[in-house]
Amino acid sequence: MTSTSVKSFARVASICHALSDETRVRLIERLGEGEQCVCYLTDSFKTGQSRLSFHLRVLKDAGLVIDRREGRWVYYALNMAGIEELEDLVRSLKSTASSTFKRGSCP
């Protein structure tokens, strides 16, 4: 994410929004263990399927999660391309911060 285009800012905002909720961060962590059926996630998170589906949709819209349907069940997994994009974003922020920080540079 080296470009500072409007599109990249919108992408950063989408990823940050997806990660701005504790439940969604916990979902990312859980999916790091491997693909999960939504029914198991619902049981594990002790919440309703509609509420969990909302969080999964936000993660999917941000490109961090993918899904696949098998019969009547939906399975979710991390989208590795999206996770790599997140890593690139953090790396870019770290690089920018370390290269532009100057002590005592206030006017």
PDB file of N, CA and C in Angstrom:
ATOM      1  N   MET A   1       0.828  -1.181   0.000  1.00  0.00           N
ATOM      2  CA  MET A   1       0.000   0.000   0.000  1.00  0.00           C
ATOM      3  C   MET A   1       0.875   1.247   0.000  1.00  0.00           C
ATOM      4  N   THR A   2       1.743   1.313  -0.955  1.00  0.00           N
ATOM      5  CA  THR A   2       2.639   2.454  -1.025  1.00  0.00           C
ATOM      6  C   THR A   2       1.969   3.670  -1.644  1.00  0.00           C
ATOM      7  N   SER A   3       0.947   3.464  -2.443  1.00  0.00           N
ATOM      8  CA  SER A   3       0.240   4.571  -3.073  1.00  0.00           C
ATOM      9  C   SER A   3      -0.661   5.263  -2.062  1.00  0.00           C
ATOM     10  N   THR A   4      -0.783   6.573  -2.201  1.00  0.00           N
ATOM     11  CA  THR A   4      -1.667   7.321  -1.309  1.00  0.00           C
ATOM     12  C   THR A   4      -2.927   7.747  -2.048  1.00  0.00           C
ATOM     13  N   SER A   5      -3.389   6.932  -2.974  1.00  0.00           N
ATOM     14  CA  SER A   5      -4.588   7.258  -3.734  1.00  0.00           C
ATOM     15  C   SER A   5      -5.823   7.180  -2.844  1.00  0.00           C
ATOM     16  N   VAL A   6      -6.892   7.803  -3.299  1.00  0.00           N
ATOM     17  CA  VAL A   6      -8.161   7.761  -2.575  1.00  0.00           C
ATOM     18  C   VAL A   6      -8.613   6.317  -2.423  1.00  0.00           C
ATOM     19  N   LYS A   7      -8.403   5.517  -3.454  1.00  0.00           N
ATOM     20  CA  LYS A   7      -8.805   4.113  -3.398  1.00  0.00           C
ATOM     21  C   LYS A   7      -8.070   3.388  -2.270  1.00  0.00           C
ATOM     22  N   SER A   8      -6.785   3.619  -2.105  1.00  0.00           N
ATOM     23  CA  SER A   8      -6.050   2.930  -1.056  1.00  0.00           C
ATOM     24  C   SER A   8      -6.474   3.420   0.323  1.00  0.00           C
ATOM     25  N   PHE A   9      -6.819   4.704   0.459  1.00  0.00           N
ATOM     26  CA  PHE A   9      -7.319   5.191   1.734  1.00  0.00           C
ATOM     27  C   PHE A   9      -8.648   4.524   2.078  1.00  0.00           C
ATOM     28  N   ALA A  10      -9.498   4.351   1.080  1.00  0.00           N
ATOM     29  CA  ALA A  10     -10.780   3.677   1.303  1.00  0.00           C
ATOM     30  C   ALA A  10     -10.545   2.220   1.708  1.00  0.00           C
ATOM     31  N   ARG A  11      -9.561   1.597   1.111  1.00  0.00           N
ATOM     32  CA  ARG A  11      -9.237   0.204   1.437  1.00  0.00           C
ATOM     33  C   ARG A  11      -8.728   0.091   2.874  1.00  0.00           C
ATOM     34  N   VAL A  12      -7.857   0.993   3.267  1.00  0.00           N
ATOM     35  CA  VAL A  12      -7.344   1.013   4.638  1.00  0.00           C
ATOM     36  C   VAL A  12      -8.506   1.211   5.620  1.00  0.00           C
ATOM     37  N   ALA A  13      -9.405   2.127   5.315  1.00  0.00           N
ATOM     38  CA  ALA A  13     -10.553   2.380   6.187  1.00  0.00           C
ATOM     39  C   ALA A  13     -11.435   1.142   6.306  1.00  0.00           C
ATOM     40  N   SER A  14     -11.615   0.426   5.210  1.00  0.00           N
ATOM     41  CA  SER A  14     -12.425  -0.795   5.224  1.00  0.00           C
ATOM     42  C   SER A  14     -11.803  -1.866   6.124  1.00  0.00           C
ATOM     43  N   ILE A  15     -10.506  -2.041   6.009  1.00  0.00           N
ATOM     44  CA  ILE A  15      -9.808  -3.034   6.836  1.00  0.00           C
ATOM     45  C   ILE A  15      -9.857  -2.623   8.302  1.00  0.00           C
ATOM     46  N   CYS A  16      -9.594  -1.355   8.576  1.00  0.00           N
ATOM     47  CA  CYS A  16      -9.611  -0.886   9.963  1.00  0.00           C
ATOM     48  C   CYS A  16     -11.006  -1.006  10.573  1.00  0.00           C
ATOM     49  N   HIS A  17     -12.020  -0.686   9.791  1.00  0.00           N
ATOM     50  CA  HIS A  17     -13.404  -0.851  10.276  1.00  0.00           C
ATOM     51  C   HIS A  17     -13.677  -2.307  10.618  1.00  0.00           C
ATOM     52  N   ALA A  18     -13.250  -3.213   9.765  1.00  0.00           N
ATOM     53  CA  ALA A  18     -13.489  -4.636  10.002  1.00  0.00           C
ATOM     54  C   ALA A  18     -12.818  -5.103  11.289  1.00  0.00           C
ATOM     55  N   LEU A  19     -11.699  -4.505  11.628  1.00  0.00           N
ATOM     56  CA  LEU A  19     -10.953  -4.917  12.816  1.00  0.00           C
ATOM     57  C   LEU A  19     -11.294  -4.070  14.043  1.00  0.00           C
ATOM     58  N   SER A  20     -12.284  -3.195  13.926  1.00  0.00           N
ATOM     59  CA  SER A  20     -12.601  -2.283  15.027  1.00  0.00           C
ATOM     60  C   SER A  20     -13.543  -2.887  16.062  1.00  0.00           C
ATOM     61  N   ASP A  21     -13.919  -4.125  15.878  1.00  0.00           N
ATOM     62  CA  ASP A  21     -14.832  -4.779  16.805  1.00  0.00           C
ATOM     63  C   ASP A  21     -14.160  -6.016  17.402  1.00  0.00           C
ATOM     64  N   GLU A  22     -14.251  -6.165  18.707  1.00  0.00           N
ATOM     65  CA  GLU A  22     -13.589  -7.286  19.391  1.00  0.00           C
ATOM     66  C   GLU A  22     -14.067  -8.642  18.871  1.00  0.00           C
ATOM     67  N   THR A  23     -15.341  -8.772  18.591  1.00  0.00           N
ATOM     68  CA  THR A  23     -15.855 -10.042  18.069  1.00  0.00           C
ATOM     69  C   THR A  23     -15.199 -10.389  16.749  1.00  0.00           C
ATOM     70  N   ARG A  24     -15.035  -9.402  15.877  1.00  0.00           N
ATOM     71  CA  ARG A  24     -14.427  -9.675  14.577  1.00  0.00           C
ATOM     72  C   ARG A  24     -12.953 -10.023  14.716  1.00  0.00           C
ATOM     73  N   VAL A  25     -12.265  -9.390  15.640  1.00  0.00           N
ATOM     74  CA  VAL A  25     -10.862  -9.736  15.879  1.00  0.00           C
ATOM     75  C   VAL A  25     -10.773 -11.166  16.416  1.00  0.00           C
ATOM     76  N   ARG A  26     -11.686 -11.526  17.307  1.00  0.00           N
ATOM     77  CA  ARG A  26     -11.711 -12.897  17.831  1.00  0.00           C
ATOM     78  C   ARG A  26     -12.028 -13.905  16.723  1.00  0.00           C
ATOM     79  N   LEU A  27     -12.904 -13.526  15.787  1.00  0.00           N
ATOM     80  CA  LEU A  27     -13.206 -14.398  14.647  1.00  0.00           C
ATOM     81  C   LEU A  27     -11.961 -14.619  13.791  1.00  0.00           C
ATOM     82  N   ILE A  28     -11.215 -13.555  13.537  1.00  0.00           N
ATOM     83  CA  ILE A  28      -9.975 -13.677  12.767  1.00  0.00           C
ATOM     84  C   ILE A  28      -9.028 -14.640  13.473  1.00  0.00           C
ATOM     85  N   GLU A  29      -8.893 -14.470  14.777  1.00  0.00           N
ATOM     86  CA  GLU A  29      -8.015 -15.364  15.548  1.00  0.00           C
ATOM     87  C   GLU A  29      -8.496 -16.814  15.453  1.00  0.00           C
ATOM     88  N   ARG A  30      -9.789 -17.021  15.595  1.00  0.00           N
ATOM     89  CA  ARG A  30     -10.354 -18.378  15.541  1.00  0.00           C
ATOM     90  C   ARG A  30     -10.150 -19.005  14.171  1.00  0.00           C
ATOM     91  N   LEU A  31     -10.353 -18.217  13.113  1.00  0.00           N
ATOM     92  CA  LEU A  31     -10.191 -18.737  11.756  1.00  0.00           C
ATOM     93  C   LEU A  31      -8.727 -18.980  11.419  1.00  0.00           C
ATOM     94  N   GLY A  32      -7.835 -18.403  12.198  1.00  0.00           N
ATOM     95  CA  GLY A  32      -6.413 -18.699  12.041  1.00  0.00           C
ATOM     96  C   GLY A  32      -6.110 -20.162  12.335  1.00  0.00           C
ATOM     97  N   GLU A  33      -7.010 -20.833  13.052  1.00  0.00           N
ATOM     98  CA  GLU A  33      -6.866 -22.265  13.349  1.00  0.00           C
ATOM     99  C   GLU A  33      -7.290 -23.125  12.167  1.00  0.00           C
ATOM    100  N   GLY A  34      -7.962 -22.517  11.198  1.00  0.00           N
ATOM    101  CA  GLY A  34      -8.427 -23.254  10.021  1.00  0.00           C
ATOM    102  C   GLY A  34      -9.888 -22.961   9.735  1.00  0.00           C
ATOM    103  N   GLU A  35     -10.351 -23.495   8.638  1.00  0.00           N
ATOM    104  CA  GLU A  35     -11.729 -23.288   8.191  1.00  0.00           C
ATOM    105  C   GLU A  35     -12.714 -23.753   9.250  1.00  0.00           C
ATOM    106  N   GLN A  36     -13.806 -22.988   9.417  1.00  0.00           N
ATOM    107  CA  GLN A  36     -14.813 -23.290  10.432  1.00  0.00           C
ATOM    108  C   GLN A  36     -16.209 -23.178   9.839  1.00  0.00           C
ATOM    109  N   CYS A  37     -17.066 -24.098  10.212  1.00  0.00           N
ATOM    110  CA  CYS A  37     -18.477 -24.027   9.836  1.00  0.00           C
ATOM    111  C   CYS A  37     -19.139 -22.952  10.689  1.00  0.00           C
ATOM    112  N   VAL A  38     -20.050 -22.202  10.102  1.00  0.00           N
ATOM    113  CA  VAL A  38     -20.726 -21.146  10.842  1.00  0.00           C
ATOM    114  C   VAL A  38     -21.465 -21.707  12.050  1.00  0.00           C
ATOM    115  N   CYS A  39     -21.942 -22.941  11.970  1.00  0.00           N
ATOM    116  CA  CYS A  39     -22.658 -23.514  13.117  1.00  0.00           C
ATOM    117  C   CYS A  39     -21.724 -23.698  14.310  1.00  0.00           C
ATOM    118  N   TYR A  40     -20.477 -24.097  14.064  1.00  0.00           N
ATOM    119  CA  TYR A  40     -19.512 -24.237  15.151  1.00  0.00           C
ATOM    120  C   TYR A  40     -19.103 -22.876  15.715  1.00  0.00           C
ATOM    121  N   LEU A  41     -18.968 -21.911  14.829  1.00  0.00           N
ATOM    122  CA  LEU A  41     -18.627 -20.564  15.285  1.00  0.00           C
ATOM    123  C   LEU A  41     -19.744 -19.994  16.155  1.00  0.00           C
ATOM    124  N   THR A  42     -20.985 -20.224  15.751  1.00  0.00           N
ATOM    125  CA  THR A  42     -22.125 -19.746  16.525  1.00  0.00           C
ATOM    126  C   THR A  42     -22.118 -20.354  17.923  1.00  0.00           C
ATOM    127  N   ASP A  43     -21.879 -21.652  18.002  1.00  0.00           N
ATOM    128  CA  ASP A  43     -21.811 -22.321  19.311  1.00  0.00           C
ATOM    129  C   ASP A  43     -20.639 -21.795  20.130  1.00  0.00           C
ATOM    130  N   SER A  44     -19.502 -21.664  19.495  1.00  0.00           N
ATOM    131  CA  SER A  44     -18.282 -21.237  20.175  1.00  0.00           C
ATOM    132  C   SER A  44     -18.400 -19.817  20.726  1.00  0.00           C
ATOM    133  N   PHE A  45     -19.027 -18.927  19.956  1.00  0.00           N
ATOM    134  CA  PHE A  45     -19.146 -17.537  20.366  1.00  0.00           C
ATOM    135  C   PHE A  45     -20.401 -17.280  21.194  1.00  0.00           C
ATOM    136  N   LYS A  46     -21.216 -18.317  21.350  1.00  0.00           N
ATOM    137  CA  LYS A  46     -22.446 -18.220  22.147  1.00  0.00           C
ATOM    138  C   LYS A  46     -23.271 -16.985  21.774  1.00  0.00           C
ATOM    139  N   THR A  47     -23.546 -16.901  20.495  1.00  0.00           N
ATOM    140  CA  THR A  47     -24.329 -15.780  19.975  1.00  0.00           C
ATOM    141  C   THR A  47     -25.252 -16.306  18.880  1.00  0.00           C
ATOM    142  N   GLY A  48     -26.180 -15.482  18.476  1.00  0.00           N
ATOM    143  CA  GLY A  48     -27.098 -15.865  17.418  1.00  0.00           C
ATOM    144  C   GLY A  48     -26.419 -15.882  16.060  1.00  0.00           C
ATOM    145  N   GLN A  49     -26.948 -16.719  15.169  1.00  0.00           N
ATOM    146  CA  GLN A  49     -26.348 -16.840  13.845  1.00  0.00           C
ATOM    147  C   GLN A  49     -26.448 -15.534  13.058  1.00  0.00           C
ATOM    148  N   SER A  50     -27.543 -14.804  13.203  1.00  0.00           N
ATOM    149  CA  SER A  50     -27.678 -13.553  12.439  1.00  0.00           C
ATOM    150  C   SER A  50     -26.633 -12.530  12.883  1.00  0.00           C
ATOM    151  N   ARG A  51     -26.378 -12.457  14.187  1.00  0.00           N
ATOM    152  CA  ARG A  51     -25.362 -11.523  14.700  1.00  0.00           C
ATOM    153  C   ARG A  51     -23.966 -11.919  14.213  1.00  0.00           C
ATOM    154  N   LEU A  52     -23.671 -13.205  14.287  1.00  0.00           N
ATOM    155  CA  LEU A  52     -22.366 -13.689  13.834  1.00  0.00           C
ATOM    156  C   LEU A  52     -22.223 -13.505  12.323  1.00  0.00           C
ATOM    157  N   SER A  53     -23.289 -13.760  11.593  1.00  0.00           N
ATOM    158  CA  SER A  53     -23.255 -13.583  10.142  1.00  0.00           C
ATOM    159  C   SER A  53     -22.962 -12.137   9.766  1.00  0.00           C
ATOM    160  N   PHE A  54     -23.502 -11.197  10.544  1.00  0.00           N
ATOM    161  CA  PHE A  54     -23.206  -9.781  10.303  1.00  0.00           C
ATOM    162  C   PHE A  54     -21.703  -9.526  10.416  1.00  0.00           C
ATOM    163  N   HIS A  55     -21.090 -10.011  11.484  1.00  0.00           N
ATOM    164  CA  HIS A  55     -19.651  -9.808  11.687  1.00  0.00           C
ATOM    165  C   HIS A  55     -18.839 -10.493  10.591  1.00  0.00           C
ATOM    166  N   LEU A  56     -19.234 -11.681  10.210  1.00  0.00           N
ATOM    167  CA  LEU A  56     -18.526 -12.397   9.148  1.00  0.00           C
ATOM    168  C   LEU A  56     -18.656 -11.671   7.809  1.00  0.00           C
ATOM    169  N   ARG A  57     -19.819 -11.066   7.572  1.00  0.00           N
ATOM    170  CA  ARG A  57     -20.008 -10.310   6.328  1.00  0.00           C
ATOM    171  C   ARG A  57     -19.093  -9.091   6.294  1.00  0.00           C
ATOM    172  N   VAL A  58     -18.947  -8.407   7.425  1.00  0.00           N
ATOM    173  CA  VAL A  58     -18.049  -7.243   7.486  1.00  0.00           C
ATOM    174  C   VAL A  58     -16.621  -7.685   7.165  1.00  0.00           C
ATOM    175  N   LEU A  59     -16.197  -8.796   7.757  1.00  0.00           N
ATOM    176  CA  LEU A  59     -14.853  -9.320   7.488  1.00  0.00           C
ATOM    177  C   LEU A  59     -14.701  -9.739   6.031  1.00  0.00           C
ATOM    178  N   LYS A  60     -15.746 -10.340   5.487  1.00  0.00           N
ATOM    179  CA  LYS A  60     -15.712 -10.768   4.081  1.00  0.00           C
ATOM    180  C   LYS A  60     -15.668  -9.546   3.157  1.00  0.00           C
ATOM    181  N   ASP A  61     -16.473  -8.544   3.434  1.00  0.00           N
ATOM    182  CA  ASP A  61     -16.482  -7.326   2.618  1.00  0.00           C
ATOM    183  C   ASP A  61     -15.128  -6.628   2.638  1.00  0.00           C
ATOM    184  N   ALA A  62     -14.410  -6.760   3.744  1.00  0.00           N
ATOM    185  CA  ALA A  62     -13.074  -6.162   3.856  1.00  0.00           C
ATOM    186  C   ALA A  62     -12.011  -7.032   3.198  1.00  0.00           C
ATOM    187  N   GLY A  63     -12.403  -8.207   2.735  1.00  0.00           N
ATOM    188  CA  GLY A  63     -11.459  -9.093   2.057  1.00  0.00           C
ATOM    189  C   GLY A  63     -10.592  -9.916   2.985  1.00  0.00           C
ATOM    190  N   LEU A  64     -10.953  -9.976   4.266  1.00  0.00           N
ATOM    191  CA  LEU A  64     -10.148 -10.719   5.231  1.00  0.00           C
ATOM    192  C   LEU A  64     -10.604 -12.166   5.399  1.00  0.00           C
ATOM    193  N   VAL A  65     -11.839 -12.459   4.961  1.00  0.00           N
ATOM    194  CA  VAL A  65     -12.433 -13.782   5.132  1.00  0.00           C
ATOM    195  C   VAL A  65     -13.082 -14.204   3.819  1.00  0.00           C
ATOM    196  N   ILE A  66     -13.041 -15.488   3.554  1.00  0.00           N
ATOM    197  CA  ILE A  66     -13.751 -16.059   2.409  1.00  0.00           C
ATOM    198  C   ILE A  66     -14.726 -17.105   2.941  1.00  0.00           C
ATOM    199  N   ASP A  67     -15.719 -17.432   2.129  1.00  0.00           N
ATOM    200  CA  ASP A  67     -16.665 -18.472   2.533  1.00  0.00           C
ATOM    201  C   ASP A  67     -16.911 -19.428   1.379  1.00  0.00           C
ATOM    202  N   ARG A  68     -17.412 -20.595   1.737  1.00  0.00           N
ATOM    203  CA  ARG A  68     -17.829 -21.563   0.732  1.00  0.00           C
ATOM    204  C   ARG A  68     -19.025 -22.314   1.281  1.00  0.00           C
ATOM    205  N   ARG A  69     -19.935 -22.626   0.390  1.00  0.00           N
ATOM    206  CA  ARG A  69     -21.147 -23.337   0.774  1.00  0.00           C
ATOM    207  C   ARG A  69     -20.969 -24.814   0.455  1.00  0.00           C
ATOM    208  N   GLU A  70     -21.372 -25.637   1.406  1.00  0.00           N
ATOM    209  CA  GLU A  70     -21.383 -27.084   1.203  1.00  0.00           C
ATOM    210  C   GLU A  70     -22.735 -27.574   1.698  1.00  0.00           C
ATOM    211  N   GLY A  71     -23.629 -27.847   0.739  1.00  0.00           N
ATOM    212  CA  GLY A  71     -24.992 -28.204   1.118  1.00  0.00           C
ATOM    213  C   GLY A  71     -25.651 -27.012   1.790  1.00  0.00           C
ATOM    214  N   ARG A  72     -26.184 -27.231   2.974  1.00  0.00           N
ATOM    215  CA  ARG A  72     -26.837 -26.134   3.687  1.00  0.00           C
ATOM    216  C   ARG A  72     -25.904 -25.403   4.654  1.00  0.00           C
ATOM    217  N   TRP A  73     -24.654 -25.818   4.718  1.00  0.00           N
ATOM    218  CA  TRP A  73     -23.699 -25.226   5.651  1.00  0.00           C
ATOM    219  C   TRP A  73     -22.761 -24.258   4.932  1.00  0.00           C
ATOM    220  N   VAL A  74     -22.341 -23.240   5.647  1.00  0.00           N
ATOM    221  CA  VAL A  74     -21.380 -22.283   5.109  1.00  0.00           C
ATOM    222  C   VAL A  74     -20.123 -22.367   5.967  1.00  0.00           C
ATOM    223  N   TYR A  75     -18.989 -22.493   5.297  1.00  0.00           N
ATOM    224  CA  TYR A  75     -17.689 -22.586   5.966  1.00  0.00           C
ATOM    225  C   TYR A  75     -16.909 -21.308   5.697  1.00  0.00           C
ATOM    226  N   TYR A  76     -16.231 -20.828   6.730  1.00  0.00           N
ATOM    227  CA  TYR A  76     -15.442 -19.603   6.625  1.00  0.00           C
ATOM    228  C   TYR A  76     -13.973 -19.908   6.872  1.00  0.00           C
ATOM    229  N   ALA A  77     -13.125 -19.144   6.190  1.00  0.00           N
ATOM    230  CA  ALA A  77     -11.676 -19.282   6.346  1.00  0.00           C
ATOM    231  C   ALA A  77     -11.051 -17.911   6.115  1.00  0.00           C
ATOM    232  N   LEU A  78      -9.826 -17.765   6.588  1.00  0.00           N
ATOM    233  CA  LEU A  78      -9.098 -16.529   6.317  1.00  0.00           C
ATOM    234  C   LEU A  78      -8.794 -16.441   4.829  1.00  0.00           C
ATOM    235  N   ASN A  79      -8.891 -15.240   4.301  1.00  0.00           N
ATOM    236  CA  ASN A  79      -8.469 -14.968   2.934  1.00  0.00           C
ATOM    237  C   ASN A  79      -7.002 -14.552   3.013  1.00  0.00           C
ATOM    238  N   MET A  80      -6.121 -15.438   2.657  1.00  0.00           N
ATOM    239  CA  MET A  80      -4.694 -15.176   2.847  1.00  0.00           C
ATOM    240  C   MET A  80      -4.223 -13.944   2.082  1.00  0.00           C
ATOM    241  N   ALA A  81      -4.825 -13.663   0.933  1.00  0.00           N
ATOM    242  CA  ALA A  81      -4.457 -12.446   0.191  1.00  0.00           C
ATOM    243  C   ALA A  81      -4.831 -11.206   1.006  1.00  0.00           C
ATOM    244  N   GLY A  82      -5.974 -11.235   1.660  1.00  0.00           N
ATOM    245  CA  GLY A  82      -6.394 -10.121   2.498  1.00  0.00           C
ATOM    246  C   GLY A  82      -5.523  -9.975   3.734  1.00  0.00           C
ATOM    247  N   ILE A  83      -5.127 -11.101   4.318  1.00  0.00           N
ATOM    248  CA  ILE A  83      -4.251 -11.068   5.490  1.00  0.00           C
ATOM    249  C   ILE A  83      -2.877 -10.520   5.101  1.00  0.00           C
ATOM    250  N   GLU A  84      -2.381 -10.912   3.931  1.00  0.00           N
ATOM    251  CA  GLU A  84      -1.103 -10.369   3.448  1.00  0.00           C
ATOM    252  C   GLU A  84      -1.214  -8.870   3.192  1.00  0.00           C
ATOM    253  N   GLU A  85      -2.360  -8.431   2.687  1.00  0.00           N
ATOM    254  CA  GLU A  85      -2.580  -6.999   2.471  1.00  0.00           C
ATOM    255  C   GLU A  85      -2.563  -6.264   3.814  1.00  0.00           C
ATOM    256  N   LEU A  86      -3.164  -6.860   4.836  1.00  0.00           N
ATOM    257  CA  LEU A  86      -3.136  -6.282   6.177  1.00  0.00           C
ATOM    258  C   LEU A  86      -1.700  -6.194   6.701  1.00  0.00           C
ATOM    259  N   GLU A  87      -0.930  -7.257   6.494  1.00  0.00           N
ATOM    260  CA  GLU A  87       0.481  -7.242   6.897  1.00  0.00           C
ATOM    261  C   GLU A  87       1.242  -6.134   6.176  1.00  0.00           C
ATOM    262  N   ASP A  88       0.990  -5.975   4.870  1.00  0.00           N
ATOM    263  CA  ASP A  88       1.636  -4.916   4.091  1.00  0.00           C
ATOM    264  C   ASP A  88       1.252  -3.536   4.626  1.00  0.00           C
ATOM    265  N   LEU A  89      -0.013  -3.380   4.995  1.00  0.00           N
ATOM    266  CA  LEU A  89      -0.483  -2.116   5.541  1.00  0.00           C
ATOM    267  C   LEU A  89       0.262  -1.782   6.830  1.00  0.00           C
ATOM    268  N   VAL A  90       0.353  -2.740   7.736  1.00  0.00           N
ATOM    269  CA  VAL A  90       1.047  -2.513   9.007  1.00  0.00           C
ATOM    270  C   VAL A  90       2.524  -2.226   8.766  1.00  0.00           C
ATOM    271  N   ARG A  91       3.133  -2.980   7.853  1.00  0.00           N
ATOM    272  CA  ARG A  91       4.543  -2.764   7.516  1.00  0.00           C
ATOM    273  C   ARG A  91       4.748  -1.363   6.945  1.00  0.00           C
ATOM    274  N   SER A  92       3.840  -0.921   6.095  1.00  0.00           N
ATOM    275  CA  SER A  92       3.926   0.405   5.493  1.00  0.00           C
ATOM    276  C   SER A  92       3.788   1.501   6.548  1.00  0.00           C
ATOM    277  N   LEU A  93       2.841   1.319   7.466  1.00  0.00           N
ATOM    278  CA  LEU A  93       2.664   2.297   8.542  1.00  0.00           C
ATOM    279  C   LEU A  93       3.902   2.364   9.427  1.00  0.00           C
ATOM    280  N   LYS A  94       4.457   1.203   9.719  1.00  0.00           N
ATOM    281  CA  LYS A  94       5.654   1.151  10.552  1.00  0.00           C
ATOM    282  C   LYS A  94       6.828   1.845   9.858  1.00  0.00           C
ATOM    283  N   SER A  95       6.979   1.574   8.579  1.00  0.00           N
ATOM    284  CA  SER A  95       8.059   2.164   7.804  1.00  0.00           C
ATOM    285  C   SER A  95       7.898   3.680   7.711  1.00  0.00           C
ATOM    286  N   THR A  96       6.691   4.130   7.434  1.00  0.00           N
ATOM    287  CA  THR A  96       6.418   5.557   7.327  1.00  0.00           C
ATOM    288  C   THR A  96       6.669   6.260   8.653  1.00  0.00           C
ATOM    289  N   ALA A  97       6.195   5.653   9.731  1.00  0.00           N
ATOM    290  CA  ALA A  97       6.354   6.268  11.053  1.00  0.00           C
ATOM    291  C   ALA A  97       7.823   6.372  11.441  1.00  0.00           C
ATOM    292  N   SER A  98       8.593   5.331  11.181  1.00  0.00           N
ATOM    293  CA  SER A  98      10.002   5.359  11.593  1.00  0.00           C
ATOM    294  C   SER A  98      10.826   6.292  10.722  1.00  0.00           C
ATOM    295  N   SER A  99      10.439   6.501   9.479  1.00  0.00           N
ATOM    296  CA  SER A  99      11.230   7.366   8.587  1.00  0.00           C
ATOM    297  C   SER A  99      10.852   8.834   8.715  1.00  0.00           C
ATOM    298  N   THR A 100       9.653   9.144   9.241  1.00  0.00           N
ATOM    299  CA  THR A 100       9.239  10.546   9.312  1.00  0.00           C
ATOM    300  C   THR A 100       9.313  11.127  10.711  1.00  0.00           C
ATOM    301  N   PHE A 101       9.538  10.295  11.711  1.00  0.00           N
ATOM    302  CA  PHE A 101       9.595  10.782  13.083  1.00  0.00           C
ATOM    303  C   PHE A 101      10.918  11.473  13.349  1.00  0.00           C
ATOM    304  N   LYS A 102      10.833  12.721  13.780  1.00  0.00           N
ATOM    305  CA  LYS A 102      12.026  13.491  14.125  1.00  0.00           C
ATOM    306  C   LYS A 102      11.758  14.174  15.441  1.00  0.00           C
ATOM    307  N   ARG A 103      12.634  13.960  16.400  1.00  0.00           N
ATOM    308  CA  ARG A 103      12.462  14.599  17.708  1.00  0.00           C
ATOM    309  C   ARG A 103      12.762  16.086  17.610  1.00  0.00           C
ATOM    310  N   GLY A 104      11.936  16.834  18.294  1.00  0.00           N
ATOM    311  CA  GLY A 104      12.167  18.262  18.370  1.00  0.00           C
ATOM    312  C   GLY A 104      12.000  18.986  17.041  1.00  0.00           C
ATOM    313  N   SER A 105      11.187  18.478  16.145  1.00  0.00           N
ATOM    314  CA  SER A 105      11.065  19.121  14.842  1.00  0.00           C
ATOM    315  C   SER A 105       9.851  20.041  14.756  1.00  0.00           C
ATOM    316  N   CYS A 106       9.204  20.315  15.885  1.00  0.00           N
ATOM    317  CA  CYS A 106       8.066  21.223  15.859  1.00  0.00           C
ATOM    318  C   CYS A 106       8.552  22.636  15.571  1.00  0.00           C
ATOM    319  N   PRO A 107       7.736  23.413  14.832  1.00  0.00           N
ATOM    320  CA  PRO A 107       8.143  24.798  14.503  1.00  0.00           C
ATOM    321  C   PRO A 107       8.213  25.690  15.708  1.00  0.00           C
TER     322      PRO A 107
END
